[in-house]
Amino acid sequence: MTDCYPAAEPPEPDASGTLGEARRLGLIDEPTHRTLWTVYVAGLTSAQAASLLGSTPELVRWRCSRALRKLAAHAELLAA
């Protein structure tokens, strides 16, 4: 008897996995990885993240904004 079940779909990428891949590919450095993880995976506000990371909310927002533009420019590479 043959299987009639469809092939399993690959899992959707999650923020943590995408950030890990971006770090592995050298698209982001460690401080940027920590900042993005704190905001987008842990869900902290820029003020909370800044307090935890010993930074300022402005630097957290700047680092996130700059990194997201870079990651968007490499979206196909990250999706592969």
PDB file of N, CA and C in Angstrom:
ATOM      1  N   MET A   1       0.850  -1.175   0.000  1.00  0.00           N
ATOM      2  CA  MET A   1       0.000   0.000   0.000  1.00  0.00           C
ATOM      3  C   MET A   1       0.896   1.239   0.000  1.00  0.00           C
ATOM      4  N   THR A   2       0.543   2.252  -0.761  1.00  0.00           N
ATOM      5  CA  THR A   2       1.348   3.468  -0.849  1.00  0.00           C
ATOM      6  C   THR A   2       0.774   4.538   0.059  1.00  0.00           C
ATOM      7  N   ASP A   3       1.667   5.412   0.485  1.00  0.00           N
ATOM      8  CA  ASP A   3       1.222   6.541   1.312  1.00  0.00           C
ATOM      9  C   ASP A   3       0.449   7.522   0.446  1.00  0.00           C
ATOM     10  N   CYS A   4      -0.633   8.001   0.952  1.00  0.00           N
ATOM     11  CA  CYS A   4      -1.392   9.015   0.233  1.00  0.00           C
ATOM     12  C   CYS A   4      -1.321  10.357   0.947  1.00  0.00           C
ATOM     13  N   TYR A   5      -0.380  10.463   1.871  1.00  0.00           N
ATOM     14  CA  TYR A   5      -0.207  11.710   2.597  1.00  0.00           C
ATOM     15  C   TYR A   5       0.705  12.642   1.807  1.00  0.00           C
ATOM     16  N   PRO A   6       0.405  13.930   1.804  1.00  0.00           N
ATOM     17  CA  PRO A   6       1.293  14.865   1.099  1.00  0.00           C
ATOM     18  C   PRO A   6       2.643  14.944   1.803  1.00  0.00           C
ATOM     19  N   ALA A   7       3.653  15.306   1.040  1.00  0.00           N
ATOM     20  CA  ALA A   7       4.984  15.488   1.620  1.00  0.00           C
ATOM     21  C   ALA A   7       4.929  16.580   2.682  1.00  0.00           C
ATOM     22  N   ALA A   8       5.704  16.383   3.720  1.00  0.00           N
ATOM     23  CA  ALA A   8       5.728  17.377   4.805  1.00  0.00           C
ATOM     24  C   ALA A   8       6.301  18.692   4.295  1.00  0.00           C
ATOM     25  N   GLU A   9       5.644  19.758   4.648  1.00  0.00           N
ATOM     26  CA  GLU A   9       6.116  21.101   4.295  1.00  0.00           C
ATOM     27  C   GLU A   9       7.292  21.451   5.191  1.00  0.00           C
ATOM     28  N   PRO A  10       8.307  22.120   4.637  1.00  0.00           N
ATOM     29  CA  PRO A  10       9.389  22.559   5.526  1.00  0.00           C
ATOM     30  C   PRO A  10       8.842  23.581   6.522  1.00  0.00           C
ATOM     31  N   PRO A  11       9.382  23.598   7.727  1.00  0.00           N
ATOM     32  CA  PRO A  11       8.868  24.542   8.728  1.00  0.00           C
ATOM     33  C   PRO A  11       9.117  25.982   8.303  1.00  0.00           C
ATOM     34  N   GLU A  12       8.200  26.839   8.693  1.00  0.00           N
ATOM     35  CA  GLU A  12       8.364  28.272   8.442  1.00  0.00           C
ATOM     36  C   GLU A  12       9.550  28.778   9.261  1.00  0.00           C
ATOM     37  N   PRO A  13      10.356  29.649   8.672  1.00  0.00           N
ATOM     38  CA  PRO A  13      11.469  30.186   9.457  1.00  0.00           C
ATOM     39  C   PRO A  13      10.937  31.047  10.604  1.00  0.00           C
ATOM     40  N   ASP A  14      11.601  30.974  11.723  1.00  0.00           N
ATOM     41  CA  ASP A  14      11.223  31.827  12.839  1.00  0.00           C
ATOM     42  C   ASP A  14      12.308  32.875  13.047  1.00  0.00           C
ATOM     43  N   ALA A  15      12.010  33.855  13.861  1.00  0.00           N
ATOM     44  CA  ALA A  15      12.935  34.967  14.060  1.00  0.00           C
ATOM     45  C   ALA A  15      14.270  34.496  14.618  1.00  0.00           C
ATOM     46  N   SER A  16      14.236  33.591  15.573  1.00  0.00           N
ATOM     47  CA  SER A  16      15.475  33.129  16.185  1.00  0.00           C
ATOM     48  C   SER A  16      16.345  32.394  15.168  1.00  0.00           C
ATOM     49  N   GLY A  17      15.743  31.534  14.373  1.00  0.00           N
ATOM     50  CA  GLY A  17      16.485  30.808  13.349  1.00  0.00           C
ATOM     51  C   GLY A  17      17.043  31.730  12.283  1.00  0.00           C
ATOM     52  N   THR A  18      16.250  32.716  11.877  1.00  0.00           N
ATOM     53  CA  THR A  18      16.698  33.669  10.867  1.00  0.00           C
ATOM     54  C   THR A  18      17.870  34.495  11.389  1.00  0.00           C
ATOM     55  N   LEU A  19      17.788  34.905  12.639  1.00  0.00           N
ATOM     56  CA  LEU A  19      18.891  35.672  13.223  1.00  0.00           C
ATOM     57  C   LEU A  19      20.157  34.828  13.334  1.00  0.00           C
ATOM     58  N   GLY A  20      20.001  33.566  13.695  1.00  0.00           N
ATOM     59  CA  GLY A  20      21.154  32.681  13.766  1.00  0.00           C
ATOM     60  C   GLY A  20      21.810  32.509  12.402  1.00  0.00           C
ATOM     61  N   GLU A  21      20.995  32.345  11.378  1.00  0.00           N
ATOM     62  CA  GLU A  21      21.521  32.200  10.026  1.00  0.00           C
ATOM     63  C   GLU A  21      22.201  33.491   9.565  1.00  0.00           C
ATOM     64  N   ALA A  22      21.602  34.633   9.872  1.00  0.00           N
ATOM     65  CA  ALA A  22      22.208  35.921   9.511  1.00  0.00           C
ATOM     66  C   ALA A  22      23.562  36.084  10.191  1.00  0.00           C
ATOM     67  N   ARG A  23      23.662  35.641  11.416  1.00  0.00           N
ATOM     68  CA  ARG A  23      24.939  35.711  12.148  1.00  0.00           C
ATOM     69  C   ARG A  23      25.950  34.767  11.512  1.00  0.00           C
ATOM     70  N   ARG A  24      25.518  33.549  11.190  1.00  0.00           N
ATOM     71  CA  ARG A  24      26.409  32.558  10.585  1.00  0.00           C
ATOM     72  C   ARG A  24      26.947  33.045   9.247  1.00  0.00           C
ATOM     73  N   LEU A  25      26.096  33.738   8.487  1.00  0.00           N
ATOM     74  CA  LEU A  25      26.496  34.251   7.178  1.00  0.00           C
ATOM     75  C   LEU A  25      27.304  35.547   7.269  1.00  0.00           C
ATOM     76  N   GLY A  26      27.444  36.099   8.477  1.00  0.00           N
ATOM     77  CA  GLY A  26      28.209  37.326   8.656  1.00  0.00           C
ATOM     78  C   GLY A  26      27.446  38.586   8.271  1.00  0.00           C
ATOM     79  N   LEU A  27      26.128  38.486   8.201  1.00  0.00           N
ATOM     80  CA  LEU A  27      25.324  39.658   7.846  1.00  0.00           C
ATOM     81  C   LEU A  27      25.132  40.600   9.028  1.00  0.00           C
ATOM     82  N   ILE A  28      25.202  40.052  10.227  1.00  0.00           N
ATOM     83  CA  ILE A  28      25.095  40.870  11.441  1.00  0.00           C
ATOM     84  C   ILE A  28      26.188  40.434  12.415  1.00  0.00           C
ATOM     85  N   ASP A  29      26.620  41.378  13.247  1.00  0.00           N
ATOM     86  CA  ASP A  29      27.624  41.060  14.262  1.00  0.00           C
ATOM     87  C   ASP A  29      26.927  40.627  15.551  1.00  0.00           C
ATOM     88  N   GLU A  30      27.717  40.216  16.528  1.00  0.00           N
ATOM     89  CA  GLU A  30      27.151  39.709  17.783  1.00  0.00           C
ATOM     90  C   GLU A  30      26.306  40.746  18.530  1.00  0.00           C
ATOM     91  N   PRO A  31      26.770  42.006  18.688  1.00  0.00           N
ATOM     92  CA  PRO A  31      25.920  42.979  19.383  1.00  0.00           C
ATOM     93  C   PRO A  31      24.580  43.209  18.669  1.00  0.00           C
ATOM     94  N   THR A  32      24.612  43.214  17.350  1.00  0.00           N
ATOM     95  CA  THR A  32      23.368  43.392  16.602  1.00  0.00           C
ATOM     96  C   THR A  32      22.474  42.176  16.764  1.00  0.00           C
ATOM     97  N   HIS A  33      23.060  40.992  16.736  1.00  0.00           N
ATOM     98  CA  HIS A  33      22.294  39.761  16.952  1.00  0.00           C
ATOM     99  C   HIS A  33      21.597  39.803  18.318  1.00  0.00           C
ATOM    100  N   ARG A  34      22.353  40.153  19.358  1.00  0.00           N
ATOM    101  CA  ARG A  34      21.766  40.236  20.705  1.00  0.00           C
ATOM    102  C   ARG A  34      20.640  41.257  20.749  1.00  0.00           C
ATOM    103  N   THR A  35      20.852  42.396  20.115  1.00  0.00           N
ATOM    104  CA  THR A  35      19.829  43.447  20.120  1.00  0.00           C
ATOM    105  C   THR A  35      18.565  42.979  19.407  1.00  0.00           C
ATOM    106  N   LEU A  36      18.721  42.440  18.200  1.00  0.00           N
ATOM    107  CA  LEU A  36      17.555  41.967  17.444  1.00  0.00           C
ATOM    108  C   LEU A  36      16.841  40.845  18.191  1.00  0.00           C
ATOM    109  N   TRP A  37      17.604  39.930  18.771  1.00  0.00           N
ATOM    110  CA  TRP A  37      16.995  38.821  19.506  1.00  0.00           C
ATOM    111  C   TRP A  37      16.179  39.344  20.691  1.00  0.00           C
ATOM    112  N   THR A  38      16.740  40.301  21.402  1.00  0.00           N
ATOM    113  CA  THR A  38      16.069  40.844  22.584  1.00  0.00           C
ATOM    114  C   THR A  38      14.752  41.524  22.209  1.00  0.00           C
ATOM    115  N   VAL A  39      14.739  42.218  21.084  1.00  0.00           N
ATOM    116  CA  VAL A  39      13.535  42.934  20.665  1.00  0.00           C
ATOM    117  C   VAL A  39      12.542  42.010  19.969  1.00  0.00           C
ATOM    118  N   TYR A  40      13.005  41.214  18.988  1.00  0.00           N
ATOM    119  CA  TYR A  40      12.082  40.465  18.137  1.00  0.00           C
ATOM    120  C   TYR A  40      11.776  39.049  18.610  1.00  0.00           C
ATOM    121  N   VAL A  41      12.636  38.452  19.407  1.00  0.00           N
ATOM    122  CA  VAL A  41      12.356  37.122  19.933  1.00  0.00           C
ATOM    123  C   VAL A  41      11.828  37.227  21.361  1.00  0.00           C
ATOM    124  N   ALA A  42      12.546  37.956  22.210  1.00  0.00           N
ATOM    125  CA  ALA A  42      12.113  38.112  23.597  1.00  0.00           C
ATOM    126  C   ALA A  42      10.934  39.072  23.728  1.00  0.00           C
ATOM    127  N   GLY A  43      10.775  39.963  22.734  1.00  0.00           N
ATOM    128  CA  GLY A  43       9.619  40.861  22.731  1.00  0.00           C
ATOM    129  C   GLY A  43       9.730  42.075  23.633  1.00  0.00           C
ATOM    130  N   LEU A  44      10.946  42.467  23.976  1.00  0.00           N
ATOM    131  CA  LEU A  44      11.113  43.636  24.836  1.00  0.00           C
ATOM    132  C   LEU A  44      10.994  44.926  24.022  1.00  0.00           C
ATOM    133  N   THR A  45      10.609  45.988  24.675  1.00  0.00           N
ATOM    134  CA  THR A  45      10.585  47.300  24.033  1.00  0.00           C
ATOM    135  C   THR A  45      12.026  47.786  23.879  1.00  0.00           C
ATOM    136  N   SER A  46      12.215  48.823  23.101  1.00  0.00           N
ATOM    137  CA  SER A  46      13.571  49.350  22.936  1.00  0.00           C
ATOM    138  C   SER A  46      14.118  49.857  24.273  1.00  0.00           C
ATOM    139  N   ALA A  47      13.274  50.417  25.116  1.00  0.00           N
ATOM    140  CA  ALA A  47      13.729  50.888  26.435  1.00  0.00           C
ATOM    141  C   ALA A  47      14.123  49.713  27.327  1.00  0.00           C
ATOM    142  N   GLN A  48      13.320  48.651  27.319  1.00  0.00           N
ATOM    143  CA  GLN A  48      13.647  47.471  28.120  1.00  0.00           C
ATOM    144  C   GLN A  48      14.920  46.808  27.602  1.00  0.00           C
ATOM    145  N   ALA A  49      15.031  46.682  26.287  1.00  0.00           N
ATOM    146  CA  ALA A  49      16.216  46.067  25.687  1.00  0.00           C
ATOM    147  C   ALA A  49      17.458  46.892  26.012  1.00  0.00           C
ATOM    148  N   ALA A  50      17.344  48.202  25.927  1.00  0.00           N
ATOM    149  CA  ALA A  50      18.474  49.076  26.220  1.00  0.00           C
ATOM    150  C   ALA A  50      18.950  48.883  27.652  1.00  0.00           C
ATOM    151  N   SER A  51      18.011  48.794  28.572  1.00  0.00           N
ATOM    152  CA  SER A  51      18.369  48.591  29.973  1.00  0.00           C
ATOM    153  C   SER A  51      19.095  47.264  30.160  1.00  0.00           C
ATOM    154  N   LEU A  52      18.604  46.234  29.534  1.00  0.00           N
ATOM    155  CA  LEU A  52      19.208  44.911  29.642  1.00  0.00           C
ATOM    156  C   LEU A  52      20.581  44.854  28.973  1.00  0.00           C
ATOM    157  N   LEU A  53      20.727  45.539  27.847  1.00  0.00           N
ATOM    158  CA  LEU A  53      21.958  45.481  27.062  1.00  0.00           C
ATOM    159  C   LEU A  53      22.976  46.552  27.445  1.00  0.00           C
ATOM    160  N   GLY A  54      22.615  47.438  28.367  1.00  0.00           N
ATOM    161  CA  GLY A  54      23.526  48.514  28.764  1.00  0.00           C
ATOM    162  C   GLY A  54      23.698  49.532  27.661  1.00  0.00           C
ATOM    163  N   SER A  55      22.603  49.883  27.027  1.00  0.00           N
ATOM    164  CA  SER A  55      22.621  50.767  25.865  1.00  0.00           C
ATOM    165  C   SER A  55      21.589  51.869  26.061  1.00  0.00           C
ATOM    166  N   THR A  56      21.232  52.520  24.974  1.00  0.00           N
ATOM    167  CA  THR A  56      20.157  53.510  25.011  1.00  0.00           C
ATOM    168  C   THR A  56      19.039  53.048  24.083  1.00  0.00           C
ATOM    169  N   PRO A  57      17.808  53.482  24.348  1.00  0.00           N
ATOM    170  CA  PRO A  57      16.713  53.113  23.446  1.00  0.00           C
ATOM    171  C   PRO A  57      16.964  53.575  22.009  1.00  0.00           C
ATOM    172  N   GLU A  58      17.592  54.722  21.863  1.00  0.00           N
ATOM    173  CA  GLU A  58      17.876  55.242  20.518  1.00  0.00           C
ATOM    174  C   GLU A  58      18.838  54.317  19.774  1.00  0.00           C
ATOM    175  N   LEU A  59      19.866  53.837  20.469  1.00  0.00           N
ATOM    176  CA  LEU A  59      20.828  52.935  19.833  1.00  0.00           C
ATOM    177  C   LEU A  59      20.159  51.605  19.485  1.00  0.00           C
ATOM    178  N   VAL A  60      19.305  51.119  20.348  1.00  0.00           N
ATOM    179  CA  VAL A  60      18.576  49.879  20.060  1.00  0.00           C
ATOM    180  C   VAL A  60      17.749  50.054  18.793  1.00  0.00           C
ATOM    181  N   ARG A  61      16.985  51.142  18.702  1.00  0.00           N
ATOM    182  CA  ARG A  61      16.157  51.373  17.514  1.00  0.00           C
ATOM    183  C   ARG A  61      17.014  51.532  16.265  1.00  0.00           C
ATOM    184  N   TRP A  62      18.127  52.268  16.370  1.00  0.00           N
ATOM    185  CA  TRP A  62      19.014  52.464  15.227  1.00  0.00           C
ATOM    186  C   TRP A  62      19.606  51.136  14.765  1.00  0.00           C
ATOM    187  N   ARG A  63      20.083  50.335  15.727  1.00  0.00           N
ATOM    188  CA  ARG A  63      20.692  49.052  15.386  1.00  0.00           C
ATOM    189  C   ARG A  63      19.667  48.130  14.720  1.00  0.00           C
ATOM    190  N   CYS A  64      18.455  48.101  15.256  1.00  0.00           N
ATOM    191  CA  CYS A  64      17.398  47.271  14.660  1.00  0.00           C
ATOM    192  C   CYS A  64      17.060  47.749  13.252  1.00  0.00           C
ATOM    193  N   SER A  65      16.870  49.031  13.086  1.00  0.00           N
ATOM    194  CA  SER A  65      16.508  49.583  11.788  1.00  0.00           C
ATOM    195  C   SER A  65      17.586  49.296  10.748  1.00  0.00           C
ATOM    196  N   ARG A  66      18.827  49.546  11.092  1.00  0.00           N
ATOM    197  CA  ARG A  66      19.938  49.317  10.166  1.00  0.00           C
ATOM    198  C   ARG A  66      20.057  47.840   9.805  1.00  0.00           C
ATOM    199  N   ALA A  67      19.940  46.982  10.800  1.00  0.00           N
ATOM    200  CA  ALA A  67      20.070  45.545  10.557  1.00  0.00           C
ATOM    201  C   ALA A  67      18.911  45.013   9.719  1.00  0.00           C
ATOM    202  N   LEU A  68      17.700  45.468   9.983  1.00  0.00           N
ATOM    203  CA  LEU A  68      16.558  44.982   9.212  1.00  0.00           C
ATOM    204  C   LEU A  68      16.661  45.375   7.744  1.00  0.00           C
ATOM    205  N   ARG A  69      17.177  46.571   7.467  1.00  0.00           N
ATOM    206  CA  ARG A  69      17.395  46.967   6.068  1.00  0.00           C
ATOM    207  C   ARG A  69      18.406  46.032   5.407  1.00  0.00           C
ATOM    208  N   LYS A  70      19.468  45.709   6.122  1.00  0.00           N
ATOM    209  CA  LYS A  70      20.485  44.820   5.573  1.00  0.00           C
ATOM    210  C   LYS A  70      19.924  43.416   5.367  1.00  0.00           C
ATOM    211  N   LEU A  71      19.182  42.916   6.337  1.00  0.00           N
ATOM    212  CA  LEU A  71      18.608  41.581   6.208  1.00  0.00           C
ATOM    213  C   LEU A  71      17.582  41.528   5.073  1.00  0.00           C
ATOM    214  N   ALA A  72      16.808  42.580   4.912  1.00  0.00           N
ATOM    215  CA  ALA A  72      15.834  42.629   3.815  1.00  0.00           C
ATOM    216  C   ALA A  72      16.539  42.572   2.462  1.00  0.00           C
ATOM    217  N   ALA A  73      17.685  43.223   2.370  1.00  0.00           N
ATOM    218  CA  ALA A  73      18.447  43.217   1.113  1.00  0.00           C
ATOM    219  C   ALA A  73      19.006  41.829   0.808  1.00  0.00           C
ATOM    220  N   HIS A  74      19.106  40.980   1.822  1.00  0.00           N
ATOM    221  CA  HIS A  74      19.631  39.615   1.660  1.00  0.00           C
ATOM    222  C   HIS A  74      18.549  38.571   1.936  1.00  0.00           C
ATOM    223  N   ALA A  75      17.285  38.916   1.753  1.00  0.00           N
ATOM    224  CA  ALA A  75      16.173  38.025   2.084  1.00  0.00           C
ATOM    225  C   ALA A  75      16.253  36.705   1.322  1.00  0.00           C
ATOM    226  N   GLU A  76      16.600  36.739   0.056  1.00  0.00           N
ATOM    227  CA  GLU A  76      16.673  35.491  -0.718  1.00  0.00           C
ATOM    228  C   GLU A  76      17.754  34.568  -0.166  1.00  0.00           C
ATOM    229  N   LEU A  77      18.892  35.119   0.196  1.00  0.00           N
ATOM    230  CA  LEU A  77      19.972  34.316   0.772  1.00  0.00           C
ATOM    231  C   LEU A  77      19.532  33.700   2.092  1.00  0.00           C
ATOM    232  N   LEU A  78      18.843  34.472   2.917  1.00  0.00           N
ATOM    233  CA  LEU A  78      18.379  33.964   4.213  1.00  0.00           C
ATOM    234  C   LEU A  78      17.294  32.905   4.053  1.00  0.00           C
ATOM    235  N   ALA A  79      16.491  33.007   3.003  1.00  0.00           N
ATOM    236  CA  ALA A  79      15.393  32.062   2.795  1.00  0.00           C
ATOM    237  C   ALA A  79      15.886  30.745   2.217  1.00  0.00           C
ATOM    238  N   ALA A  80      17.070  30.749   1.633  1.00  0.00           N
ATOM    239  CA  ALA A  80      17.581  29.520   0.972  1.00  0.00           C
ATOM    240  C   ALA A  80      17.958  28.456   1.976  1.00  0.00           C
TER     241      ALA A  80
END
